[in-house]
Amino acid sequence: MDLDEITGAIVDASVKTHIELGPGLLESVYEAVLARALKKRGFRVERQKVIRFEYDGMVFEEGFRADLVVEGRVVVELKSLEKLSSVHGKQVLTYLRLMNLSLGLLINFGAPTLKEGLSRIVNNLPPSASPLLRVNKGFQPPSHHLIPKILTFAGLQRVRSNPESLSLSLSLLLPPFSLRASA
C-alpha cells in the first residue's frame, strides 16, 4: 500500500470522526476512535508509540510518544485545540526526522471543520514518490533566508527542513471524497 492510500484512509476516517463527534472532546478520545476506525479498515496502528533516540552520546529511551503510527510509515499527531500554533508542524517534522520517516499528518479535531485542521508534513520525500505532490511543481519560492520557517500561501505550507520538505493542504493532495451527514 502506498503512502497516498494510507493517508487517504486516515483523512477519510478523521473527517468521519469529526463529523460524527464534532470538536471539543479530549485528544485521547479522538485518538482512540481514530485508531479503532483504522484498525477496522485493516491497518496496523500503534498508539502512544514510545520513540527511542540518541543524541550526542546520550540515549533517550522515551524521547517522545507518537500519538499514532500507521503501518509503521505514517506518524499522526492529534490535537484538539481551537487553533494550531506553528510549533505543532515543527513538532511533527522533528518526529519524522528522529524516526527516519517521510510522512506525517497533523490533525486538529478542535477546528470547526477538518479542512482547516489537516496538514500533511513531509520529510525528505522525493518528488517522484507521489504524483499528488506535484501540485505546485513550477513554483519557485524565494531563497530560504528570505522566508520564515513556515509559509502559508494559496493552501500551501512550506516546512523548512530542506528545500524538498513540503506540507501541502490535504485538500490539494488527496483524491476527492464525498461525505454525507446521516439524517
N, C-alpha and C. Protein backbone atom coordinates (compact mmCIF):
# COMPACT_ATOMS: atom_id res chain seq x y z
N MET A 1 0.85 -1.18 0.00
CA MET A 1 0.00 0.00 0.00
C MET A 1 0.90 1.24 0.00
N ASP A 2 0.58 2.20 -0.86
CA ASP A 2 1.44 3.39 -0.93
C ASP A 2 0.99 4.45 0.08
N LEU A 3 1.84 5.45 0.25
CA LEU A 3 1.59 6.49 1.26
C LEU A 3 0.29 7.24 1.01
N ASP A 4 -0.03 7.50 -0.25
CA ASP A 4 -1.27 8.22 -0.54
C ASP A 4 -2.50 7.42 -0.12
N GLU A 5 -2.47 6.12 -0.29
CA GLU A 5 -3.60 5.28 0.12
C GLU A 5 -3.73 5.28 1.65
N ILE A 6 -2.60 5.19 2.33
CA ILE A 6 -2.63 5.20 3.79
C ILE A 6 -3.16 6.54 4.30
N THR A 7 -2.58 7.64 3.80
CA THR A 7 -3.03 8.96 4.29
C THR A 7 -4.45 9.24 3.87
N GLY A 8 -4.86 8.78 2.71
CA GLY A 8 -6.25 8.97 2.28
C GLY A 8 -7.22 8.30 3.24
N ALA A 9 -6.89 7.09 3.67
CA ALA A 9 -7.75 6.37 4.62
C ALA A 9 -7.75 7.06 5.98
N ILE A 10 -6.59 7.58 6.41
CA ILE A 10 -6.52 8.28 7.69
C ILE A 10 -7.38 9.54 7.65
N VAL A 11 -7.26 10.28 6.56
CA VAL A 11 -8.05 11.52 6.42
C VAL A 11 -9.54 11.20 6.36
N ASP A 12 -9.91 10.20 5.59
CA ASP A 12 -11.32 9.83 5.48
C ASP A 12 -11.89 9.45 6.85
N ALA A 13 -11.17 8.62 7.59
CA ALA A 13 -11.63 8.22 8.93
C ALA A 13 -11.67 9.41 9.88
N SER A 14 -10.72 10.33 9.75
CA SER A 14 -10.69 11.52 10.60
C SER A 14 -11.87 12.43 10.33
N VAL A 15 -12.17 12.64 9.06
CA VAL A 15 -13.29 13.51 8.69
C VAL A 15 -14.60 12.91 9.20
N LYS A 16 -14.78 11.62 9.01
CA LYS A 16 -15.99 10.96 9.51
C LYS A 16 -16.10 11.08 11.02
N THR A 17 -14.98 10.90 11.72
CA THR A 17 -14.97 11.04 13.17
C THR A 17 -15.33 12.46 13.58
N HIS A 18 -14.77 13.43 12.91
CA HIS A 18 -15.04 14.85 13.24
C HIS A 18 -16.50 15.20 12.98
N ILE A 19 -17.05 14.69 11.89
CA ILE A 19 -18.46 14.96 11.59
C ILE A 19 -19.37 14.33 12.64
N GLU A 20 -19.07 13.09 13.02
CA GLU A 20 -19.92 12.37 13.96
C GLU A 20 -19.78 12.87 15.40
N LEU A 21 -18.56 13.18 15.83
CA LEU A 21 -18.34 13.60 17.22
C LEU A 21 -18.28 15.11 17.40
N GLY A 22 -17.84 15.83 16.36
CA GLY A 22 -17.68 17.28 16.46
C GLY A 22 -16.43 17.64 17.24
N PRO A 23 -16.12 18.94 17.28
CA PRO A 23 -14.94 19.40 18.03
C PRO A 23 -15.23 19.48 19.53
N GLY A 24 -14.16 19.60 20.32
CA GLY A 24 -14.33 19.90 21.74
C GLY A 24 -14.07 18.78 22.72
N LEU A 25 -13.84 17.56 22.21
CA LEU A 25 -13.54 16.46 23.12
C LEU A 25 -12.04 16.40 23.40
N LEU A 26 -11.66 15.59 24.36
CA LEU A 26 -10.24 15.41 24.66
C LEU A 26 -9.53 14.72 23.50
N GLU A 27 -8.27 15.07 23.32
CA GLU A 27 -7.45 14.46 22.27
C GLU A 27 -7.46 12.94 22.39
N SER A 28 -7.42 12.42 23.60
CA SER A 28 -7.38 10.97 23.82
C SER A 28 -8.63 10.26 23.27
N VAL A 29 -9.76 10.94 23.28
CA VAL A 29 -10.99 10.36 22.73
C VAL A 29 -10.84 10.20 21.22
N TYR A 30 -10.40 11.27 20.55
CA TYR A 30 -10.21 11.20 19.10
C TYR A 30 -9.16 10.16 18.73
N GLU A 31 -8.12 10.05 19.54
CA GLU A 31 -7.07 9.07 19.28
C GLU A 31 -7.64 7.65 19.32
N ALA A 32 -8.41 7.35 20.36
CA ALA A 32 -8.99 6.01 20.50
C ALA A 32 -9.95 5.70 19.36
N VAL A 33 -10.79 6.65 19.03
CA VAL A 33 -11.80 6.44 17.97
C VAL A 33 -11.12 6.28 16.61
N LEU A 34 -10.14 7.14 16.31
CA LEU A 34 -9.46 7.07 15.03
C LEU A 34 -8.65 5.77 14.90
N ALA A 35 -7.96 5.39 15.96
CA ALA A 35 -7.20 4.13 15.94
C ALA A 35 -8.12 2.95 15.67
N ARG A 36 -9.26 2.93 16.32
CA ARG A 36 -10.21 1.83 16.12
C ARG A 36 -10.75 1.82 14.69
N ALA A 37 -11.09 3.00 14.17
CA ALA A 37 -11.61 3.09 12.80
C ALA A 37 -10.58 2.58 11.79
N LEU A 38 -9.32 2.92 12.01
CA LEU A 38 -8.27 2.48 11.09
C LEU A 38 -8.02 0.98 11.21
N LYS A 39 -8.07 0.45 12.43
CA LYS A 39 -7.91 -0.99 12.62
C LYS A 39 -9.05 -1.75 11.94
N LYS A 40 -10.27 -1.20 12.02
CA LYS A 40 -11.41 -1.83 11.34
C LYS A 40 -11.20 -1.88 9.83
N ARG A 41 -10.43 -0.95 9.30
CA ARG A 41 -10.14 -0.92 7.87
C ARG A 41 -8.94 -1.79 7.51
N GLY A 42 -8.38 -2.46 8.51
CA GLY A 42 -7.30 -3.39 8.26
C GLY A 42 -5.89 -2.82 8.39
N PHE A 43 -5.77 -1.63 8.96
CA PHE A 43 -4.45 -1.02 9.12
C PHE A 43 -3.83 -1.43 10.45
N ARG A 44 -2.51 -1.50 10.45
CA ARG A 44 -1.74 -1.73 11.68
C ARG A 44 -1.53 -0.35 12.31
N VAL A 45 -2.03 -0.18 13.53
CA VAL A 45 -1.97 1.12 14.20
C VAL A 45 -1.35 0.95 15.58
N GLU A 46 -0.34 1.78 15.85
CA GLU A 46 0.28 1.80 17.18
C GLU A 46 -0.10 3.11 17.84
N ARG A 47 -0.62 3.03 19.06
CA ARG A 47 -1.00 4.22 19.82
C ARG A 47 0.07 4.54 20.85
N GLN A 48 0.31 5.84 21.02
CA GLN A 48 1.27 6.33 22.02
C GLN A 48 2.59 5.55 21.93
N LYS A 49 3.07 5.42 20.71
CA LYS A 49 4.31 4.67 20.48
C LYS A 49 5.49 5.43 21.07
N VAL A 50 6.20 4.75 21.96
CA VAL A 50 7.38 5.33 22.60
C VAL A 50 8.53 5.28 21.60
N ILE A 51 9.16 6.43 21.42
CA ILE A 51 10.25 6.53 20.45
C ILE A 51 11.57 6.77 21.19
N ARG A 52 12.52 5.91 20.91
CA ARG A 52 13.87 6.00 21.49
C ARG A 52 14.76 6.67 20.46
N PHE A 53 15.65 7.54 20.92
CA PHE A 53 16.64 8.11 20.03
C PHE A 53 17.89 8.48 20.80
N GLU A 54 18.96 8.69 20.04
CA GLU A 54 20.25 9.07 20.61
C GLU A 54 20.65 10.42 20.08
N TYR A 55 21.31 11.18 20.95
CA TYR A 55 21.83 12.48 20.54
C TYR A 55 23.11 12.76 21.32
N ASP A 56 24.17 13.01 20.61
CA ASP A 56 25.44 13.41 21.21
C ASP A 56 25.88 12.45 22.33
N GLY A 57 25.75 11.16 22.05
CA GLY A 57 26.15 10.15 23.01
C GLY A 57 25.14 9.89 24.12
N MET A 58 24.07 10.64 24.13
CA MET A 58 23.02 10.44 25.15
C MET A 58 21.91 9.58 24.55
N VAL A 59 21.37 8.67 25.33
CA VAL A 59 20.29 7.81 24.87
C VAL A 59 19.01 8.22 25.60
N PHE A 60 17.98 8.47 24.83
CA PHE A 60 16.67 8.81 25.38
C PHE A 60 15.73 7.64 25.08
N GLU A 61 15.53 6.80 26.10
CA GLU A 61 14.70 5.61 25.92
C GLU A 61 13.25 5.97 25.62
N GLU A 62 12.81 7.08 26.19
CA GLU A 62 11.43 7.54 25.96
C GLU A 62 11.50 9.02 25.57
N GLY A 63 12.08 9.26 24.39
CA GLY A 63 12.28 10.63 23.93
C GLY A 63 10.98 11.37 23.67
N PHE A 64 10.02 10.65 23.12
CA PHE A 64 8.69 11.21 22.90
C PHE A 64 7.74 10.07 22.58
N ARG A 65 6.47 10.40 22.53
CA ARG A 65 5.44 9.43 22.17
C ARG A 65 4.68 9.95 20.96
N ALA A 66 4.64 9.15 19.92
CA ALA A 66 3.85 9.49 18.75
C ALA A 66 2.41 9.07 19.02
N ASP A 67 1.46 9.98 18.78
CA ASP A 67 0.05 9.66 19.05
C ASP A 67 -0.35 8.37 18.32
N LEU A 68 -0.15 8.36 17.00
CA LEU A 68 -0.43 7.17 16.20
C LEU A 68 0.68 6.98 15.19
N VAL A 69 1.03 5.74 14.94
CA VAL A 69 1.90 5.38 13.83
C VAL A 69 1.15 4.32 13.04
N VAL A 70 0.86 4.64 11.78
CA VAL A 70 0.03 3.76 10.95
C VAL A 70 0.91 3.03 9.94
N GLU A 71 0.80 1.72 9.95
CA GLU A 71 1.56 0.85 9.06
C GLU A 71 3.07 1.05 9.20
N GLY A 72 3.51 1.60 10.33
CA GLY A 72 4.93 1.83 10.54
C GLY A 72 5.51 2.88 9.61
N ARG A 73 4.65 3.62 8.88
CA ARG A 73 5.13 4.54 7.85
C ARG A 73 4.62 5.97 7.99
N VAL A 74 3.50 6.16 8.67
CA VAL A 74 2.91 7.50 8.77
C VAL A 74 2.70 7.85 10.25
N VAL A 75 3.26 8.98 10.66
CA VAL A 75 3.05 9.49 12.01
C VAL A 75 1.81 10.38 11.98
N VAL A 76 0.92 10.17 12.93
CA VAL A 76 -0.27 11.00 13.04
C VAL A 76 -0.24 11.68 14.40
N GLU A 77 -0.13 13.00 14.38
CA GLU A 77 -0.14 13.79 15.61
C GLU A 77 -1.51 14.45 15.71
N LEU A 78 -2.19 14.16 16.80
CA LEU A 78 -3.54 14.67 17.01
C LEU A 78 -3.55 15.82 18.00
N LYS A 79 -4.42 16.77 17.73
CA LYS A 79 -4.63 17.91 18.62
C LYS A 79 -6.12 18.12 18.75
N SER A 80 -6.50 18.77 19.81
CA SER A 80 -7.89 19.20 20.00
C SER A 80 -7.85 20.61 20.56
N LEU A 81 -7.45 21.54 19.69
CA LEU A 81 -7.24 22.92 20.08
C LEU A 81 -8.09 23.84 19.21
N GLU A 82 -8.40 25.01 19.74
CA GLU A 82 -9.14 25.98 18.93
C GLU A 82 -8.33 26.39 17.71
N LYS A 83 -7.02 26.57 17.91
CA LYS A 83 -6.15 26.97 16.82
C LYS A 83 -4.76 26.37 17.02
N LEU A 84 -4.18 25.86 15.93
CA LEU A 84 -2.83 25.31 15.99
C LEU A 84 -1.80 26.43 15.99
N SER A 85 -0.65 26.13 16.55
CA SER A 85 0.49 27.04 16.54
C SER A 85 1.50 26.52 15.51
N SER A 86 2.40 27.37 15.05
CA SER A 86 3.40 26.93 14.08
C SER A 86 4.31 25.84 14.66
N VAL A 87 4.44 25.80 15.98
CA VAL A 87 5.31 24.79 16.59
C VAL A 87 4.75 23.37 16.40
N HIS A 88 3.46 23.23 16.19
CA HIS A 88 2.88 21.89 16.04
C HIS A 88 3.36 21.21 14.76
N GLY A 89 3.45 21.95 13.67
CA GLY A 89 4.01 21.38 12.43
C GLY A 89 5.47 21.03 12.60
N LYS A 90 6.20 21.88 13.31
CA LYS A 90 7.62 21.62 13.57
C LYS A 90 7.79 20.38 14.44
N GLN A 91 6.87 20.18 15.37
CA GLN A 91 6.90 19.01 16.23
C GLN A 91 6.80 17.73 15.39
N VAL A 92 5.86 17.71 14.45
CA VAL A 92 5.70 16.53 13.60
C VAL A 92 6.96 16.32 12.74
N LEU A 93 7.51 17.40 12.22
CA LEU A 93 8.72 17.28 11.41
C LEU A 93 9.88 16.72 12.24
N THR A 94 10.00 17.14 13.49
CA THR A 94 11.03 16.59 14.38
C THR A 94 10.81 15.10 14.59
N TYR A 95 9.56 14.70 14.82
CA TYR A 95 9.25 13.28 14.98
C TYR A 95 9.67 12.50 13.74
N LEU A 96 9.34 13.03 12.57
CA LEU A 96 9.68 12.35 11.32
C LEU A 96 11.19 12.19 11.18
N ARG A 97 11.92 13.23 11.48
CA ARG A 97 13.39 13.17 11.39
C ARG A 97 13.96 12.12 12.34
N LEU A 98 13.51 12.14 13.59
CA LEU A 98 14.05 11.21 14.59
C LEU A 98 13.64 9.77 14.32
N MET A 99 12.50 9.57 13.67
CA MET A 99 12.03 8.22 13.34
C MET A 99 12.48 7.79 11.95
N ASN A 100 13.12 8.70 11.22
CA ASN A 100 13.55 8.44 9.85
C ASN A 100 12.38 8.03 8.96
N LEU A 101 11.28 8.77 9.09
CA LEU A 101 10.09 8.54 8.26
C LEU A 101 9.89 9.75 7.35
N SER A 102 9.11 9.55 6.31
CA SER A 102 8.91 10.59 5.31
C SER A 102 7.64 11.39 5.47
N LEU A 103 6.62 10.84 6.11
CA LEU A 103 5.32 11.48 6.06
C LEU A 103 4.59 11.46 7.39
N GLY A 104 4.01 12.60 7.73
CA GLY A 104 3.20 12.71 8.94
C GLY A 104 1.97 13.55 8.68
N LEU A 105 0.96 13.33 9.47
CA LEU A 105 -0.27 14.12 9.40
C LEU A 105 -0.47 14.80 10.75
N LEU A 106 -0.79 16.07 10.70
CA LEU A 106 -1.16 16.84 11.88
C LEU A 106 -2.65 17.09 11.76
N ILE A 107 -3.41 16.55 12.69
CA ILE A 107 -4.88 16.63 12.62
C ILE A 107 -5.40 17.30 13.88
N ASN A 108 -6.06 18.43 13.67
CA ASN A 108 -6.64 19.18 14.79
C ASN A 108 -8.15 19.00 14.81
N PHE A 109 -8.62 18.20 15.75
CA PHE A 109 -10.06 17.96 15.88
C PHE A 109 -10.78 19.13 16.54
N GLY A 110 -10.05 20.13 17.00
CA GLY A 110 -10.67 21.30 17.61
C GLY A 110 -11.12 22.34 16.60
N ALA A 111 -10.70 22.20 15.35
CA ALA A 111 -11.08 23.14 14.30
C ALA A 111 -12.57 22.96 13.97
N PRO A 112 -13.22 24.04 13.51
CA PRO A 112 -14.64 23.94 13.15
C PRO A 112 -14.89 22.87 12.08
N THR A 113 -14.01 22.78 11.10
CA THR A 113 -14.06 21.70 10.10
C THR A 113 -12.66 21.14 9.98
N LEU A 114 -12.55 19.90 9.54
CA LEU A 114 -11.22 19.31 9.43
C LEU A 114 -10.43 19.86 8.27
N LYS A 115 -11.08 20.50 7.33
CA LYS A 115 -10.34 21.12 6.23
C LYS A 115 -9.33 22.12 6.79
N GLU A 116 -9.72 22.86 7.82
CA GLU A 116 -8.82 23.81 8.47
C GLU A 116 -7.85 23.13 9.42
N GLY A 117 -8.16 21.90 9.82
CA GLY A 117 -7.37 21.23 10.84
C GLY A 117 -6.42 20.15 10.35
N LEU A 118 -6.22 20.06 9.03
CA LEU A 118 -5.37 19.00 8.48
C LEU A 118 -4.12 19.57 7.83
N SER A 119 -2.99 18.99 8.15
CA SER A 119 -1.74 19.34 7.47
C SER A 119 -0.97 18.06 7.19
N ARG A 120 -0.37 18.00 6.03
CA ARG A 120 0.50 16.89 5.65
C ARG A 120 1.92 17.40 5.75
N ILE A 121 2.74 16.77 6.57
CA ILE A 121 4.11 17.19 6.80
C ILE A 121 5.03 16.16 6.15
N VAL A 122 5.97 16.64 5.35
CA VAL A 122 6.84 15.76 4.57
C VAL A 122 8.29 16.00 4.96
N ASN A 123 9.03 14.91 5.09
CA ASN A 123 10.46 14.96 5.44
C ASN A 123 11.24 14.18 4.40
N ASN A 124 11.99 14.89 3.56
CA ASN A 124 12.86 14.24 2.56
C ASN A 124 12.15 13.25 1.66
N LEU A 125 10.93 13.51 1.30
CA LEU A 125 10.20 12.64 0.38
C LEU A 125 10.53 13.08 -1.04
N PRO A 126 11.09 12.20 -1.87
CA PRO A 126 11.43 12.61 -3.23
C PRO A 126 10.18 13.01 -3.99
N PRO A 127 10.28 14.01 -4.88
CA PRO A 127 9.10 14.50 -5.61
C PRO A 127 8.40 13.40 -6.38
N SER A 128 9.13 12.40 -6.86
CA SER A 128 8.51 11.35 -7.65
C SER A 128 7.76 10.34 -6.79
N ALA A 129 7.89 10.43 -5.48
CA ALA A 129 7.26 9.46 -4.60
C ALA A 129 5.75 9.56 -4.64
N SER A 130 5.23 10.71 -4.95
CA SER A 130 3.79 10.88 -5.02
C SER A 130 3.44 11.86 -6.13
N PRO A 131 2.66 11.42 -7.12
CA PRO A 131 2.27 12.35 -8.18
C PRO A 131 1.44 13.50 -7.63
N LEU A 132 0.79 13.29 -6.50
CA LEU A 132 -0.04 14.33 -5.93
C LEU A 132 0.79 15.46 -5.32
N LEU A 133 2.07 15.20 -5.05
CA LEU A 133 2.93 16.25 -4.51
C LEU A 133 3.40 17.22 -5.58
N ARG A 134 3.03 16.97 -6.82
CA ARG A 134 3.47 17.83 -7.91
C ARG A 134 2.50 18.97 -8.17
N VAL A 135 1.60 19.23 -7.27
CA VAL A 135 0.58 20.26 -7.46
C VAL A 135 1.20 21.60 -7.84
N ASN A 136 2.20 22.04 -7.12
CA ASN A 136 2.83 23.32 -7.38
C ASN A 136 4.26 23.14 -7.88
N LYS A 137 4.45 22.18 -8.77
CA LYS A 137 5.78 21.81 -9.24
C LYS A 137 6.55 23.01 -9.81
N GLY A 138 5.87 23.89 -10.53
CA GLY A 138 6.55 25.01 -11.16
C GLY A 138 6.86 26.16 -10.22
N PHE A 139 6.35 26.13 -9.02
CA PHE A 139 6.55 27.22 -8.07
C PHE A 139 7.98 27.22 -7.56
N GLN A 140 8.64 28.36 -7.62
CA GLN A 140 9.98 28.52 -7.08
C GLN A 140 9.93 29.56 -5.96
N PRO A 141 10.02 29.13 -4.70
CA PRO A 141 9.95 30.09 -3.60
C PRO A 141 11.20 30.95 -3.56
N PRO A 142 11.13 32.10 -2.89
CA PRO A 142 12.32 32.91 -2.71
C PRO A 142 13.36 32.13 -1.92
N SER A 143 14.59 32.62 -1.92
CA SER A 143 15.65 31.90 -1.21
C SER A 143 15.28 31.71 0.26
N HIS A 144 15.81 30.64 0.85
CA HIS A 144 15.41 30.23 2.19
C HIS A 144 15.64 31.30 3.25
N HIS A 145 16.59 32.19 3.09
CA HIS A 145 16.84 33.17 4.14
C HIS A 145 15.84 34.32 4.10
N LEU A 146 15.02 34.38 3.05
CA LEU A 146 14.04 35.46 2.95
C LEU A 146 12.66 35.07 3.46
N ILE A 147 12.46 33.80 3.76
CA ILE A 147 11.13 33.36 4.18
C ILE A 147 11.19 32.76 5.57
N PRO A 148 10.10 32.89 6.33
CA PRO A 148 10.08 32.28 7.65
C PRO A 148 10.04 30.76 7.53
N LYS A 149 10.22 30.10 8.65
CA LYS A 149 10.28 28.65 8.62
C LYS A 149 9.01 28.02 8.09
N ILE A 150 7.87 28.61 8.32
CA ILE A 150 6.64 28.08 7.75
C ILE A 150 5.92 29.21 7.03
N LEU A 151 5.61 28.99 5.76
CA LEU A 151 4.86 29.96 4.97
C LEU A 151 3.51 29.37 4.61
N THR A 152 2.53 30.20 4.51
CA THR A 152 1.25 29.74 4.00
C THR A 152 0.88 30.64 2.84
N PHE A 153 0.63 30.03 1.71
CA PHE A 153 0.19 30.79 0.55
C PHE A 153 -0.64 29.87 -0.34
N ALA A 154 -1.83 30.31 -0.67
CA ALA A 154 -2.74 29.58 -1.56
C ALA A 154 -2.87 28.11 -1.17
N GLY A 155 -3.04 27.84 0.11
CA GLY A 155 -3.22 26.48 0.56
C GLY A 155 -1.94 25.67 0.68
N LEU A 156 -0.78 26.29 0.47
CA LEU A 156 0.49 25.58 0.53
C LEU A 156 1.27 26.06 1.74
N GLN A 157 1.73 25.13 2.54
CA GLN A 157 2.62 25.45 3.65
C GLN A 157 3.96 24.84 3.33
N ARG A 158 5.02 25.57 3.52
CA ARG A 158 6.36 25.04 3.29
C ARG A 158 7.05 24.92 4.64
N VAL A 159 7.36 23.73 5.03
CA VAL A 159 8.04 23.48 6.29
C VAL A 159 9.51 23.29 5.95
N ARG A 160 10.38 24.10 6.56
CA ARG A 160 11.78 24.14 6.17
C ARG A 160 12.64 23.15 6.96
N SER A 161 12.86 21.98 6.43
CA SER A 161 13.95 21.16 6.95
C SER A 161 14.97 21.03 5.84
N ASN A 162 14.49 21.09 4.62
CA ASN A 162 15.31 21.17 3.43
C ASN A 162 14.40 21.67 2.32
N PRO A 163 14.92 22.07 1.18
CA PRO A 163 14.08 22.65 0.13
C PRO A 163 13.00 21.71 -0.39
N GLU A 164 13.15 20.40 -0.20
CA GLU A 164 12.13 19.48 -0.72
C GLU A 164 11.02 19.19 0.28
N SER A 165 11.16 19.66 1.51
CA SER A 165 10.15 19.35 2.53
C SER A 165 8.93 20.22 2.32
N LEU A 166 7.84 19.58 2.07
CA LEU A 166 6.60 20.31 1.84
C LEU A 166 5.49 19.82 2.74
N SER A 167 4.65 20.71 3.10
CA SER A 167 3.41 20.36 3.75
C SER A 167 2.32 21.03 2.94
N LEU A 168 1.54 20.26 2.25
CA LEU A 168 0.51 20.82 1.41
C LEU A 168 -0.86 20.61 2.04
N SER A 169 -1.71 21.53 1.80
CA SER A 169 -3.08 21.37 2.26
C SER A 169 -3.61 20.06 1.71
N LEU A 170 -4.21 19.26 2.55
CA LEU A 170 -4.69 17.95 2.10
C LEU A 170 -5.79 18.07 1.07
N SER A 171 -6.46 19.20 1.03
CA SER A 171 -7.49 19.35 0.01
C SER A 171 -6.86 19.36 -1.38
N LEU A 172 -5.59 19.71 -1.48
CA LEU A 172 -4.88 19.69 -2.76
C LEU A 172 -4.26 18.33 -3.04
N LEU A 173 -3.97 17.56 -2.00
CA LEU A 173 -3.19 16.35 -2.16
C LEU A 173 -3.99 15.08 -2.35
N LEU A 174 -5.11 15.00 -1.70
CA LEU A 174 -5.81 13.73 -1.68
C LEU A 174 -6.94 13.71 -2.69
N PRO A 175 -7.25 12.54 -3.21
CA PRO A 175 -8.36 12.46 -4.14
C PRO A 175 -9.64 12.91 -3.43
N PRO A 176 -10.57 13.49 -4.18
CA PRO A 176 -11.80 13.96 -3.54
C PRO A 176 -12.55 12.79 -2.90
N PHE A 177 -13.18 13.05 -1.81
CA PHE A 177 -14.03 12.05 -1.18
C PHE A 177 -15.31 12.76 -0.78
N SER A 178 -16.39 12.01 -0.83
CA SER A 178 -17.67 12.64 -0.51
C SER A 178 -18.11 12.22 0.89
N LEU A 179 -18.75 13.13 1.55
CA LEU A 179 -19.26 12.87 2.89
C LEU A 179 -20.73 13.23 2.91
N ARG A 180 -21.49 12.41 3.55
CA ARG A 180 -22.90 12.71 3.70
C ARG A 180 -23.24 12.63 5.18
N ALA A 181 -23.87 13.67 5.66
CA ALA A 181 -24.30 13.65 7.06
C ALA A 181 -25.49 12.71 7.16
N SER A 182 -25.51 11.90 8.21
CA SER A 182 -26.64 10.98 8.38
C SER A 182 -27.83 11.75 8.91
N ALA A 183 -28.97 11.34 8.44
CA ALA A 183 -30.21 12.05 8.83
C ALA A 183 -30.72 11.56 10.15
